N, C-alpha and C. Protein backbone atom coordinates (compact mmCIF):
# COMPACT_ATOMS: atom_id res chain seq x y z
N MET A 1 51.34 18.11 -25.34
CA MET A 1 51.27 16.18 -25.76
C MET A 1 52.18 15.27 -27.53
N MET A 2 52.51 14.72 -27.76
CA MET A 2 52.46 14.47 -28.73
C MET A 2 52.34 13.31 -29.07
N ARG A 3 51.47 12.57 -30.24
CA ARG A 3 51.59 10.70 -30.75
C ARG A 3 52.71 10.76 -31.75
N LYS A 4 52.50 9.98 -32.24
CA LYS A 4 53.42 9.06 -33.47
C LYS A 4 52.91 8.64 -33.23
N ILE A 5 52.73 8.39 -34.93
CA ILE A 5 51.75 8.12 -35.45
C ILE A 5 52.43 6.97 -35.94
N GLY A 6 54.34 7.00 -37.17
CA GLY A 6 54.81 5.89 -37.07
C GLY A 6 56.14 6.09 -37.54
N TYR A 7 57.06 5.93 -37.45
CA TYR A 7 58.75 6.09 -37.91
C TYR A 7 59.01 5.70 -39.43
N LEU A 8 59.51 6.70 -40.55
CA LEU A 8 60.22 6.12 -41.55
C LEU A 8 61.73 6.83 -41.54
N SER A 9 61.91 5.48 -42.06
CA SER A 9 63.90 5.41 -42.98
C SER A 9 63.56 7.02 -43.95
N GLN A 10 64.28 7.60 -43.80
CA GLN A 10 64.56 8.43 -44.81
C GLN A 10 64.13 8.30 -46.33
N PRO A 11 64.91 7.24 -47.22
CA PRO A 11 63.74 7.10 -48.14
C PRO A 11 63.01 6.39 -48.96
N GLU A 12 62.37 5.90 -47.44
CA GLU A 12 60.46 6.06 -47.32
C GLU A 12 59.97 7.56 -47.58
N PHE A 13 60.98 7.51 -46.97
CA PHE A 13 59.28 8.98 -47.13
C PHE A 13 59.57 10.34 -48.20
N GLU A 14 60.57 10.09 -48.90
CA GLU A 14 60.74 10.26 -50.29
C GLU A 14 59.68 10.14 -51.20
N GLY A 15 59.46 11.33 -51.51
CA GLY A 15 58.06 10.64 -53.19
C GLY A 15 57.30 10.63 -51.77
N ILE A 16 57.18 10.49 -50.48
CA ILE A 16 55.16 11.49 -49.71
C ILE A 16 54.48 12.49 -50.72
N GLU A 17 53.62 12.72 -50.80
CA GLU A 17 52.93 13.80 -51.52
C GLU A 17 51.96 12.39 -50.23
N PHE A 18 51.51 14.27 -49.51
CA PHE A 18 50.63 14.61 -48.45
C PHE A 18 49.53 15.25 -49.07
N PRO A 19 48.05 15.06 -48.79
CA PRO A 19 46.41 16.31 -49.98
C PRO A 19 47.18 17.08 -48.99
N GLU A 20 46.36 18.19 -50.20
CA GLU A 20 46.16 19.48 -49.71
C GLU A 20 45.14 19.74 -48.70
N GLY A 21 45.65 20.41 -47.17
CA GLY A 21 44.60 20.51 -46.48
C GLY A 21 45.26 20.36 -45.51
N GLU A 22 45.28 18.82 -45.74
CA GLU A 22 45.81 17.75 -44.51
C GLU A 22 47.27 18.50 -44.35
N SER A 23 47.50 18.67 -42.42
CA SER A 23 48.76 19.38 -41.69
C SER A 23 48.98 18.48 -40.93
N PHE A 24 50.87 18.32 -41.92
CA PHE A 24 52.28 17.56 -40.98
C PHE A 24 52.65 17.88 -40.84
N THR A 25 53.35 18.30 -39.54
CA THR A 25 54.15 18.64 -38.65
C THR A 25 55.48 16.78 -39.26
N ILE A 26 57.53 17.66 -39.20
CA ILE A 26 58.15 16.53 -39.64
C ILE A 26 59.17 16.65 -39.23
N PHE A 27 59.45 15.50 -38.13
CA PHE A 27 60.55 15.57 -37.22
C PHE A 27 61.83 14.61 -38.04
N HIS A 28 62.86 14.78 -37.65
CA HIS A 28 64.46 14.72 -37.38
C HIS A 28 64.34 14.17 -37.18
N ASN A 29 64.97 13.04 -36.98
CA ASN A 29 66.08 11.78 -35.60
C ASN A 29 66.93 12.00 -35.67
N THR A 30 68.34 13.11 -34.98
CA THR A 30 69.68 12.57 -35.48
C THR A 30 70.06 11.53 -33.92
N GLU A 31 69.41 11.52 -32.48
CA GLU A 31 70.48 10.74 -31.99
C GLU A 31 70.67 9.20 -32.64
N HIS A 32 69.81 8.73 -32.84
CA HIS A 32 70.12 7.52 -33.43
C HIS A 32 71.11 7.43 -34.74
N GLU A 33 71.56 5.65 -34.22
CA GLU A 33 72.18 6.26 -35.91
C GLU A 33 72.12 5.90 -37.29
N GLU A 34 70.95 4.81 -36.56
CA GLU A 34 70.09 4.94 -38.43
C GLU A 34 69.27 6.28 -38.44
N ASP A 35 69.26 6.38 -39.87
CA ASP A 35 68.12 8.42 -39.67
C ASP A 35 66.99 7.67 -40.45
N THR A 36 66.12 8.73 -38.81
CA THR A 36 64.98 8.32 -38.96
C THR A 36 63.86 9.22 -39.14
N THR A 37 62.67 9.58 -39.59
CA THR A 37 61.94 10.76 -39.51
C THR A 37 61.05 10.80 -39.11
N ILE A 38 59.78 11.51 -38.13
CA ILE A 38 58.92 10.52 -37.52
C ILE A 38 57.87 11.52 -37.66
N VAL A 39 57.66 10.56 -38.41
CA VAL A 39 56.49 11.60 -38.61
C VAL A 39 54.95 11.99 -37.50
N HIS A 40 54.33 12.79 -37.47
CA HIS A 40 54.42 12.75 -37.15
C HIS A 40 52.31 13.83 -37.10
N MET A 41 51.04 13.18 -36.98
CA MET A 41 50.10 14.27 -38.09
C MET A 41 49.76 15.33 -37.18
N ALA A 42 49.28 16.23 -37.33
CA ALA A 42 49.57 17.79 -36.37
C ALA A 42 47.63 17.95 -36.05
N GLN A 43 47.21 16.88 -36.87
CA GLN A 43 45.67 17.21 -37.05
C GLN A 43 44.92 17.55 -35.41
N MET A 44 45.92 16.18 -35.41
CA MET A 44 45.35 15.28 -33.66
C MET A 44 45.64 16.63 -32.89
N MET A 45 47.17 17.20 -33.72
CA MET A 45 47.12 18.23 -32.51
C MET A 45 45.86 19.63 -31.84
N GLU A 46 45.14 19.92 -33.75
CA GLU A 46 44.35 20.85 -33.71
C GLU A 46 43.91 20.17 -32.69
N LEU A 47 42.87 18.64 -32.80
CA LEU A 47 42.03 18.93 -32.47
C LEU A 47 41.81 18.93 -31.09
N MET A 48 43.40 18.05 -30.26
CA MET A 48 43.06 18.66 -28.73
C MET A 48 43.13 19.74 -28.54
N ASP A 49 43.60 21.54 -29.59
CA ASP A 49 43.40 22.86 -29.46
C ASP A 49 42.28 22.92 -28.70
N ASP A 50 41.65 22.39 -30.47
CA ASP A 50 39.78 22.82 -29.98
C ASP A 50 39.41 22.44 -28.76
N MET A 51 39.09 21.08 -28.25
CA MET A 51 39.38 20.58 -26.78
C MET A 51 38.99 21.65 -26.24
N TYR A 52 40.89 22.12 -26.26
CA TYR A 52 40.51 23.13 -25.69
C TYR A 52 39.96 23.89 -24.74
N THR A 53 40.63 24.61 -26.99
CA THR A 53 39.82 25.77 -27.04
C THR A 53 38.01 25.78 -26.32
N LEU A 54 37.33 24.58 -26.87
CA LEU A 54 36.45 24.65 -26.26
C LEU A 54 35.73 24.68 -24.66
N LYS A 55 37.15 23.57 -23.29
CA LYS A 55 36.67 24.18 -21.96
C LYS A 55 37.07 25.45 -22.03
N GLU A 56 37.94 26.47 -22.21
CA GLU A 56 37.99 27.66 -22.30
C GLU A 56 36.90 28.34 -22.37
N HIS A 57 35.87 28.09 -24.05
CA HIS A 57 35.28 29.05 -23.91
C HIS A 57 34.28 28.63 -22.84
N GLU A 58 34.56 27.34 -22.63
CA GLU A 58 33.18 27.20 -21.30
C GLU A 58 33.28 27.28 -20.16
N SER A 59 34.39 27.48 -19.52
CA SER A 59 34.37 28.12 -18.87
C SER A 59 34.56 29.91 -18.61
N ARG A 60 34.84 30.34 -19.26
CA ARG A 60 34.65 31.13 -20.14
C ARG A 60 33.75 31.56 -19.58
N LYS A 61 32.56 31.28 -20.39
CA LYS A 61 30.94 31.65 -19.84
C LYS A 61 30.66 31.32 -18.02
N GLU A 62 31.25 29.97 -18.09
CA GLU A 62 31.06 30.35 -17.00
C GLU A 62 31.69 30.96 -15.91
N VAL A 63 32.19 32.04 -16.04
CA VAL A 63 32.75 32.88 -15.36
C VAL A 63 32.42 34.24 -15.93
N GLU A 64 31.78 34.22 -17.19
CA GLU A 64 30.89 35.40 -16.92
C GLU A 64 29.73 35.08 -16.03
N ALA A 65 29.13 34.26 -16.70
CA ALA A 65 27.22 33.91 -15.55
C ALA A 65 27.98 34.77 -14.32
N GLN A 66 28.94 33.71 -14.13
CA GLN A 66 29.58 34.01 -12.18
C GLN A 66 29.27 35.49 -11.51
N GLY A 67 30.26 36.80 -12.79
CA GLY A 67 30.36 37.06 -12.92
C GLY A 67 28.90 38.48 -12.94
N GLU A 68 27.78 37.97 -13.65
CA GLU A 68 26.73 38.60 -13.88
C GLU A 68 25.43 38.13 -12.75
N LYS A 69 26.19 37.15 -11.96
CA LYS A 69 25.12 36.53 -11.00
C LYS A 69 25.92 37.76 -9.34
N LEU A 70 26.59 38.19 -9.53
CA LEU A 70 27.80 38.35 -8.42
C LEU A 70 27.08 39.88 -8.44
N ARG A 71 27.10 40.91 -10.31
CA ARG A 71 26.46 41.93 -9.69
C ARG A 71 25.36 42.10 -9.91
N ARG A 72 24.36 41.18 -10.43
CA ARG A 72 23.52 41.26 -9.92
C ARG A 72 23.01 41.10 -7.64
N LEU A 73 23.98 39.99 -7.33
CA LEU A 73 23.53 40.36 -5.67
C LEU A 73 24.00 41.92 -5.34
N GLU A 74 24.64 42.30 -6.19
CA GLU A 74 25.96 43.07 -5.30
C GLU A 74 24.44 44.79 -5.73
N ARG A 75 24.04 44.56 -6.61
CA ARG A 75 22.26 45.65 -7.05
C ARG A 75 21.57 45.21 -6.17
N GLU A 76 20.63 43.70 -6.01
CA GLU A 76 20.40 42.90 -4.72
C GLU A 76 20.65 43.96 -3.07
N LEU A 77 21.08 43.92 -3.59
CA LEU A 77 22.04 44.41 -2.21
C LEU A 77 22.20 46.08 -1.38
N GLN A 78 22.43 46.76 -2.90
CA GLN A 78 22.32 47.74 -2.81
C GLN A 78 20.11 48.97 -2.31
N ASP A 79 19.93 47.47 -2.88
CA ASP A 79 18.36 48.07 -3.23
C ASP A 79 18.22 47.63 -2.29
N SER A 80 18.52 46.85 -0.97
CA SER A 80 18.04 46.34 0.71
C SER A 80 18.57 47.65 1.16
N LYS A 81 20.11 47.93 0.78
CA LYS A 81 20.54 49.14 1.71
C LYS A 81 19.66 50.53 1.96
N ARG A 82 19.83 50.44 0.17
CA ARG A 82 18.80 51.52 0.40
C ARG A 82 16.79 51.28 1.52
N LYS A 83 16.48 50.81 0.94
CA LYS A 83 15.09 50.09 1.08
C LYS A 83 15.41 49.84 2.99
N VAL A 84 16.85 49.74 3.82
CA VAL A 84 16.58 50.37 5.27
C VAL A 84 16.67 51.60 5.38
N ALA A 85 17.73 51.67 5.11
CA ALA A 85 17.72 53.67 5.33
C ALA A 85 16.46 54.37 5.10
N GLU A 86 16.10 54.13 3.86
CA GLU A 86 14.83 55.33 3.99
C GLU A 86 13.45 54.14 4.77
N HIS A 87 13.73 53.49 5.14
CA HIS A 87 12.73 53.19 6.69
C HIS A 87 13.62 53.42 7.71
N GLN A 88 14.47 53.45 7.88
CA GLN A 88 15.26 54.40 9.07
C GLN A 88 14.95 55.81 8.93
N ARG A 89 15.12 56.66 8.28
CA ARG A 89 14.39 56.94 8.29
C ARG A 89 12.51 57.49 8.74
N ARG A 90 11.79 56.91 7.58
CA ARG A 90 10.59 57.13 8.17
C ARG A 90 10.73 56.82 9.41
N ILE A 91 11.78 55.97 10.10
CA ILE A 91 10.57 55.77 11.78
C ILE A 91 11.23 56.92 12.35
N LEU A 92 13.05 57.58 12.53
CA LEU A 92 13.05 58.52 12.70
C LEU A 92 11.57 59.83 12.90
N HIS A 93 11.46 59.66 11.21
CA HIS A 93 10.59 61.03 10.61
C HIS A 93 8.92 60.97 12.48
N LEU A 94 8.53 60.18 11.88
CA LEU A 94 7.30 59.12 13.22
C LEU A 94 7.68 59.82 14.98
N GLU A 95 8.67 59.45 14.97
CA GLU A 95 10.20 59.44 16.71
C GLU A 95 9.45 60.67 16.84
N SER A 96 10.02 61.87 15.39
CA SER A 96 10.43 63.59 15.76
C SER A 96 8.85 64.01 16.94
């Protein structure tokens, strides 16, 4: 997604200085009769990327937590199966 901050004609754009550390992406629009330049501040995109990265990180943590829960339940199931097998052996031993 892209947000347009503003439109500047080429002469207006010349001589504009961007502060160090500021990120700008410049697009040149060749479809219109008048030569226009669309200036898009990339920081907004970076903020959106950061937001999606945070959501992705949170989702990944949730998936990892679910995976750990699944592994714990699988261990509990294996322990229960061993206990059942041990009880069955004891019963068979007592019956014989």
